[in-house]
Amino acid sequence: MPWLRLRVAVPEERADEIDGRLRGAGAVAVSILPGETAGDVLEPPPDRAPLWSSVRVEGLFPVTADLSSLTGLECQVDFVPHRDWSETWREGIGPLRFGRLLVLPTLPEGNATVAKSGEVVLRLDPGLAFGTGTHVSTALCLEWLAERSIRGRRVLDVGSGSGILAIAACLLGGRAVAVDHDAQARRATLANARRNGVDIEVVDDLEAVHDRHDVVLANLVADTIRTLAGPLTERLAPGGDLVLSGILASQTRWVMAAFSDDPHCRFEPPVVRDGWALLHRCPNPNR
């Protein structure tokens, strides 16, 4: 069955309004794309998400959808062929290596990639959740895990998405708890854990986590990490490692400033790649 697609061209300041109207009318997916007169997206202040000066908001609807609530909205309408949009993430995704970690997407026809000696294989199907290893922020976290001794350590993955980081920690010998507010992410984490033969505790809120952990991972965005600075620190065991990612390189000092000044802890120099940064806070950065 084909889908009905509505495109609405608006100034940037109306993007959220149109997004809400399309979702309210029953859109199964909404995308915000650059408009024809859009300028470059320059680096925004830390507390603001970047958008183009003009945008095109696209909503995807079933052809039987009632669009009467959108009367008066100037838009373009066309049809797109049916696709399983939850499966399109696989297009162009191949095996990914992060040190001794090998991430293999699950494919209908199987995956013929052979792991090298000593590699730990993680099989992944994120579904509609974030986290395949292709984004720099996730890749930096996977590399950090692969370079450390995780065996026997308790790992807390905050904002787990597909569960890729929590599962990697388990495959490397650790024990993991995954936290995500999104129900689809929690389902994806549990399914991927089963696929990899590991057990992960999955919860929907950080407040449900009462134990302290040897490693606390937060691959989120800078403003969310700042908001969670206290709760993240409270769940870190003495001598533990705090790993923060999803941060623009220009935001590192702003993020670090949100964490209490502890004379026994300090942040290592940021690991920066393609404009993104990973921050690591530990008691002894030279160990």
Protein backbone atom coordinates (compact mmCIF):
# COMPACT_ATOMS: atom_id res chain seq x y z
CA MET A 1 0.00 0.00 0.00
CA PRO A 2 1.44 3.43 -0.89
CA TRP A 3 1.74 6.28 1.58
CA LEU A 4 0.47 9.83 1.34
CA ARG A 5 3.18 12.47 1.80
CA LEU A 6 2.49 16.11 2.72
CA ARG A 7 5.21 18.74 2.38
CA VAL A 8 4.92 22.12 4.06
CA ALA A 9 7.46 24.91 3.50
CA VAL A 10 7.72 27.27 6.46
CA PRO A 11 10.19 29.54 8.27
CA GLU A 12 12.30 27.82 10.90
CA GLU A 13 10.30 29.29 13.80
CA ARG A 14 7.15 27.44 12.64
CA ALA A 15 8.78 24.01 12.34
CA ASP A 16 7.59 22.76 15.75
CA GLU A 17 4.06 24.04 15.15
CA ILE A 18 3.74 22.22 11.81
CA ASP A 19 5.39 19.11 13.21
CA GLY A 20 2.74 19.05 15.94
CA ARG A 21 -0.13 19.58 13.50
CA LEU A 22 1.01 16.76 11.22
CA ARG A 23 1.46 14.35 14.13
CA GLY A 24 -1.91 15.39 15.51
CA ALA A 25 -3.49 14.54 12.17
CA GLY A 26 -2.09 11.01 12.33
CA ALA A 27 1.32 11.19 10.61
CA VAL A 28 3.27 7.97 11.13
CA ALA A 29 6.55 9.85 10.56
CA VAL A 30 7.57 13.51 10.36
CA SER A 31 10.87 14.82 8.95
CA ILE A 32 12.30 18.35 9.04
CA LEU A 33 14.48 19.09 6.00
CA PRO A 34 16.18 22.22 4.59
CA GLY A 35 13.91 24.47 2.56
CA GLU A 36 14.73 25.85 -0.87
CA THR A 37 15.96 29.14 0.60
CA ALA A 38 17.70 27.57 3.60
CA GLY A 39 21.07 28.96 4.55
CA ASP A 40 23.91 27.10 6.23
CA VAL A 41 23.41 25.74 9.71
CA LEU A 42 26.06 27.43 11.82
CA GLU A 43 27.09 26.18 15.25
CA PRO A 44 24.32 27.10 17.70
CA PRO A 45 24.56 28.07 21.34
CA PRO A 46 24.80 24.99 23.60
CA ASP A 47 21.16 25.13 24.66
CA ARG A 48 19.65 25.40 21.18
CA ALA A 49 19.20 22.80 18.44
CA PRO A 50 20.25 24.00 14.97
CA LEU A 51 17.76 24.37 12.13
CA TRP A 52 17.90 25.99 8.72
CA SER A 53 16.42 29.48 8.24
CA SER A 54 13.65 27.92 6.16
CA VAL A 55 12.52 24.32 6.39
CA ARG A 56 10.37 21.73 4.68
CA VAL A 57 8.30 19.66 7.07
CA GLU A 58 7.23 16.33 5.58
CA GLY A 59 4.59 14.04 7.05
CA LEU A 60 3.89 10.47 5.99
CA PHE A 61 0.25 9.31 6.27
CA PRO A 62 -1.80 6.22 5.43
CA VAL A 63 -3.80 6.92 2.27
CA THR A 64 -7.00 6.51 4.30
CA ALA A 65 -6.01 9.19 6.82
CA ASP A 66 -8.54 11.92 7.69
CA LEU A 67 -6.70 15.19 6.98
CA SER A 68 -9.61 17.53 7.64
CA SER A 69 -7.76 19.07 10.59
CA LEU A 70 -5.12 20.36 8.15
CA THR A 71 -7.60 22.40 6.09
CA GLY A 72 -6.08 25.75 5.19
CA LEU A 73 -2.49 24.52 5.44
CA GLU A 74 -0.63 25.23 2.21
CA CYS A 75 1.16 22.03 1.26
CA GLN A 76 2.26 19.75 -1.58
CA VAL A 77 0.83 16.25 -1.72
CA ASP A 78 2.18 13.16 -3.44
CA PHE A 79 2.41 9.40 -2.97
CA VAL A 80 5.42 7.27 -2.06
CA PRO A 81 5.69 3.48 -2.48
CA HIS A 82 5.21 1.24 0.53
CA ARG A 83 8.38 0.36 2.43
CA ASP A 84 9.11 -1.09 5.82
CA TRP A 85 10.66 2.10 7.20
CA SER A 86 11.93 0.31 10.31
CA GLU A 87 14.20 -1.75 8.03
CA THR A 88 15.77 1.06 5.97
CA TRP A 89 18.60 1.56 8.52
CA ARG A 90 20.31 -1.49 7.00
CA GLU A 91 20.87 0.20 3.65
CA GLY A 92 24.58 0.75 3.22
CA ILE A 93 25.42 -0.57 6.69
CA GLY A 94 28.13 -3.21 6.79
CA PRO A 95 30.35 -4.71 9.47
CA LEU A 96 31.82 -2.11 11.82
CA ARG A 97 34.98 -2.61 13.88
CA PHE A 98 35.80 -0.76 17.07
CA GLY A 99 39.06 -2.19 18.34
CA ARG A 100 38.29 -5.76 19.40
CA LEU A 101 34.53 -5.23 18.94
CA LEU A 102 32.91 -6.29 15.65
CA VAL A 103 29.33 -5.03 15.14
CA LEU A 104 27.32 -6.99 12.57
CA PRO A 105 23.87 -5.87 11.43
CA THR A 106 21.34 -8.68 11.30
CA LEU A 107 20.39 -9.23 7.68
CA PRO A 108 17.58 -11.38 6.24
CA GLU A 109 20.11 -13.26 4.12
CA GLY A 110 22.56 -13.61 7.01
CA ASN A 111 26.02 -12.11 7.39
CA ALA A 112 29.07 -13.87 6.00
CA THR A 113 31.62 -11.69 7.79
CA VAL A 114 34.14 -13.79 9.66
CA ALA A 115 35.46 -12.41 12.94
CA LYS A 116 39.19 -12.12 13.35
CA SER A 117 40.95 -13.95 16.14
CA GLY A 118 40.20 -12.27 19.46
CA GLU A 119 37.30 -10.19 18.17
CA VAL A 120 34.08 -9.95 20.17
CA VAL A 121 31.03 -10.10 17.87
CA LEU A 122 27.93 -8.02 18.59
CA ARG A 123 24.88 -8.71 16.40
CA LEU A 124 22.50 -5.79 16.16
CA ASP A 125 19.05 -4.89 14.88
CA PRO A 126 18.17 -1.46 16.29
CA GLY A 127 14.64 -1.39 14.85
CA LEU A 128 13.44 2.17 15.41
CA ALA A 129 15.89 2.93 18.24
CA PHE A 130 19.06 5.02 18.04
CA GLY A 131 22.43 3.28 18.04
CA THR A 132 24.03 1.32 15.21
CA GLY A 133 27.64 2.39 15.69
CA THR A 134 27.63 4.59 12.60
CA HIS A 135 27.28 7.85 14.52
CA VAL A 136 30.55 9.25 15.85
CA SER A 137 29.21 9.62 19.40
CA THR A 138 28.34 5.91 19.59
CA ALA A 139 31.58 4.87 17.88
CA LEU A 140 33.64 6.80 20.45
CA CYS A 141 31.86 4.98 23.30
CA LEU A 142 32.35 1.56 21.68
CA GLU A 143 36.05 2.26 21.19
CA TRP A 144 36.36 3.38 24.81
CA LEU A 145 34.77 0.13 26.01
CA ALA A 146 36.91 -2.01 23.69
CA GLU A 147 40.11 -0.44 25.03
CA ARG A 148 39.31 -1.10 28.71
CA SER A 149 39.09 -4.07 30.99
CA ILE A 150 35.35 -4.39 31.59
CA ARG A 151 35.25 -7.92 32.98
CA GLY A 152 33.34 -8.09 36.25
CA ARG A 153 32.49 -4.38 36.22
CA ARG A 154 28.98 -2.98 36.72
CA VAL A 155 28.01 -0.74 33.79
CA LEU A 156 25.10 1.72 33.63
CA ASP A 157 24.03 2.80 30.11
CA VAL A 158 21.83 5.91 30.31
CA GLY A 159 19.88 6.59 27.12
CA SER A 160 20.51 3.08 25.82
CA GLY A 161 18.66 3.30 22.49
CA SER A 162 19.25 -0.01 20.69
CA GLY A 163 21.22 -1.28 23.70
CA ILE A 164 24.47 -1.42 21.74
CA LEU A 165 26.67 -0.05 24.55
CA ALA A 166 25.13 -2.14 27.34
CA ILE A 167 25.38 -5.27 25.19
CA ALA A 168 29.00 -4.50 24.27
CA ALA A 169 29.79 -4.15 27.98
CA CYS A 170 28.23 -7.55 28.71
CA LEU A 171 30.03 -9.25 25.84
CA LEU A 172 33.28 -7.82 27.22
CA GLY A 173 32.56 -9.49 30.57
CA GLY A 174 30.66 -6.79 32.44
CA ARG A 175 27.16 -6.61 33.92
CA ALA A 176 24.87 -3.90 32.56
CA VAL A 177 21.74 -1.93 33.38
CA ALA A 178 20.14 0.03 30.51
CA VAL A 179 17.94 3.10 30.98
CA ASP A 180 15.68 4.61 28.31
CA HIS A 181 12.36 6.47 28.50
CA ASP A 182 11.35 5.29 25.02
CA ALA A 183 9.40 2.01 24.94
CA GLN A 184 10.68 1.13 21.45
CA ALA A 185 14.24 1.54 22.66
CA ARG A 186 13.62 -0.73 25.65
CA ARG A 187 12.10 -3.39 23.38
CA ALA A 188 15.05 -3.12 20.99
CA THR A 189 17.53 -3.44 23.86
CA LEU A 190 15.88 -6.59 25.20
CA ALA A 191 15.60 -8.15 21.73
CA ASN A 192 19.25 -7.40 20.94
CA ALA A 193 20.34 -8.73 24.33
CA ARG A 194 18.59 -12.03 23.58
CA ARG A 195 20.15 -12.06 20.12
CA ASN A 196 23.59 -11.82 21.70
CA GLY A 197 22.92 -14.24 24.55
CA VAL A 198 23.37 -11.71 27.36
CA ASP A 199 21.15 -10.63 30.25
CA ILE A 200 20.53 -6.91 30.74
CA GLU A 201 18.29 -5.19 33.25
CA VAL A 202 16.25 -2.57 31.38
CA VAL A 203 14.41 0.26 33.17
CA ASP A 204 12.49 3.31 31.99
CA ASP A 205 13.84 5.92 34.38
CA LEU A 206 17.14 6.72 36.05
CA GLU A 207 15.29 7.10 39.35
CA ALA A 208 14.70 3.33 39.27
CA VAL A 209 18.47 2.73 39.49
CA HIS A 210 19.60 2.67 43.13
CA ASP A 211 22.94 0.88 42.96
CA ARG A 212 26.28 2.48 42.17
CA HIS A 213 28.15 1.35 39.06
CA ASP A 214 31.81 1.05 38.11
CA VAL A 215 31.14 2.61 34.70
CA VAL A 216 28.41 5.13 33.92
CA LEU A 217 27.86 5.78 30.19
CA ALA A 218 25.67 8.64 28.97
CA ASN A 219 25.52 8.99 25.19
CA LEU A 220 22.90 11.75 25.07
CA VAL A 221 23.07 15.45 24.15
CA ALA A 222 24.91 18.17 26.00
CA ASP A 223 21.97 19.90 27.68
CA THR A 224 20.49 16.61 28.88
CA ILE A 225 23.85 15.53 30.28
CA ARG A 226 24.14 18.82 32.16
CA THR A 227 20.65 18.35 33.59
CA LEU A 228 21.57 14.83 34.74
CA ALA A 229 24.98 15.76 36.15
CA GLY A 230 23.92 15.14 39.76
CA PRO A 231 22.03 11.86 39.19
CA LEU A 232 24.82 10.46 37.01
CA THR A 233 27.48 11.27 39.60
CA GLU A 234 25.35 9.79 42.40
CA ARG A 235 25.21 6.46 40.58
CA LEU A 236 28.96 6.24 40.06
CA ALA A 237 30.84 3.95 42.44
CA PRO A 238 33.97 5.28 44.18
CA GLY A 239 36.85 4.97 41.75
CA GLY A 240 34.44 4.53 38.83
CA ASP A 241 34.56 5.86 35.28
CA LEU A 242 32.09 8.43 33.94
CA VAL A 243 31.87 8.47 30.14
CA LEU A 244 29.91 11.21 28.36
CA SER A 245 29.24 11.44 24.64
CA GLY A 246 26.83 13.05 22.19
CA ILE A 247 28.59 16.37 22.86
CA LEU A 248 29.79 18.87 20.28
CA ALA A 249 33.51 19.60 20.58
CA SER A 250 32.74 23.24 21.37
CA GLN A 251 30.50 22.22 24.29
CA THR A 252 33.02 20.24 26.33
CA ARG A 253 33.90 22.95 28.86
CA TRP A 254 30.23 23.85 29.25
CA VAL A 255 29.38 20.21 30.02
CA MET A 256 32.32 19.68 32.39
CA ALA A 257 31.35 22.79 34.36
CA ALA A 258 28.04 21.15 35.30
CA PHE A 259 29.79 18.43 37.33
CA SER A 260 30.79 19.09 40.92
CA ASP A 261 34.42 19.95 41.56
CA ASP A 262 35.99 16.89 43.18
CA PRO A 263 39.72 17.13 43.99
CA HIS A 264 40.03 13.36 43.60
CA CYS A 265 38.48 13.30 40.12
CA ARG A 266 39.18 15.08 36.87
CA PHE A 267 38.27 14.89 33.22
CA GLU A 268 40.82 13.61 30.78
CA PRO A 269 41.39 15.70 27.63
CA PRO A 270 38.36 15.25 25.34
CA VAL A 271 38.56 12.69 22.55
CA VAL A 272 37.38 14.64 19.50
CA ARG A 273 36.37 13.34 16.08
CA ASP A 274 34.45 15.05 13.28
CA GLY A 275 33.27 17.81 15.60
CA TRP A 276 32.00 15.41 18.32
CA ALA A 277 33.62 14.75 21.68
CA LEU A 278 33.79 12.05 24.33
CA LEU A 279 34.54 13.04 27.92
CA HIS A 280 36.01 10.62 30.46
CA ARG A 281 36.08 11.44 34.16
CA CYS A 282 37.99 9.12 36.49
CA PRO A 283 39.97 9.26 39.75
CA ASN A 284 43.32 8.59 38.11
CA PRO A 285 43.41 9.47 34.39
CA ASN A 286 46.95 8.07 34.06
CA ARG A 287 46.16 4.54 35.21
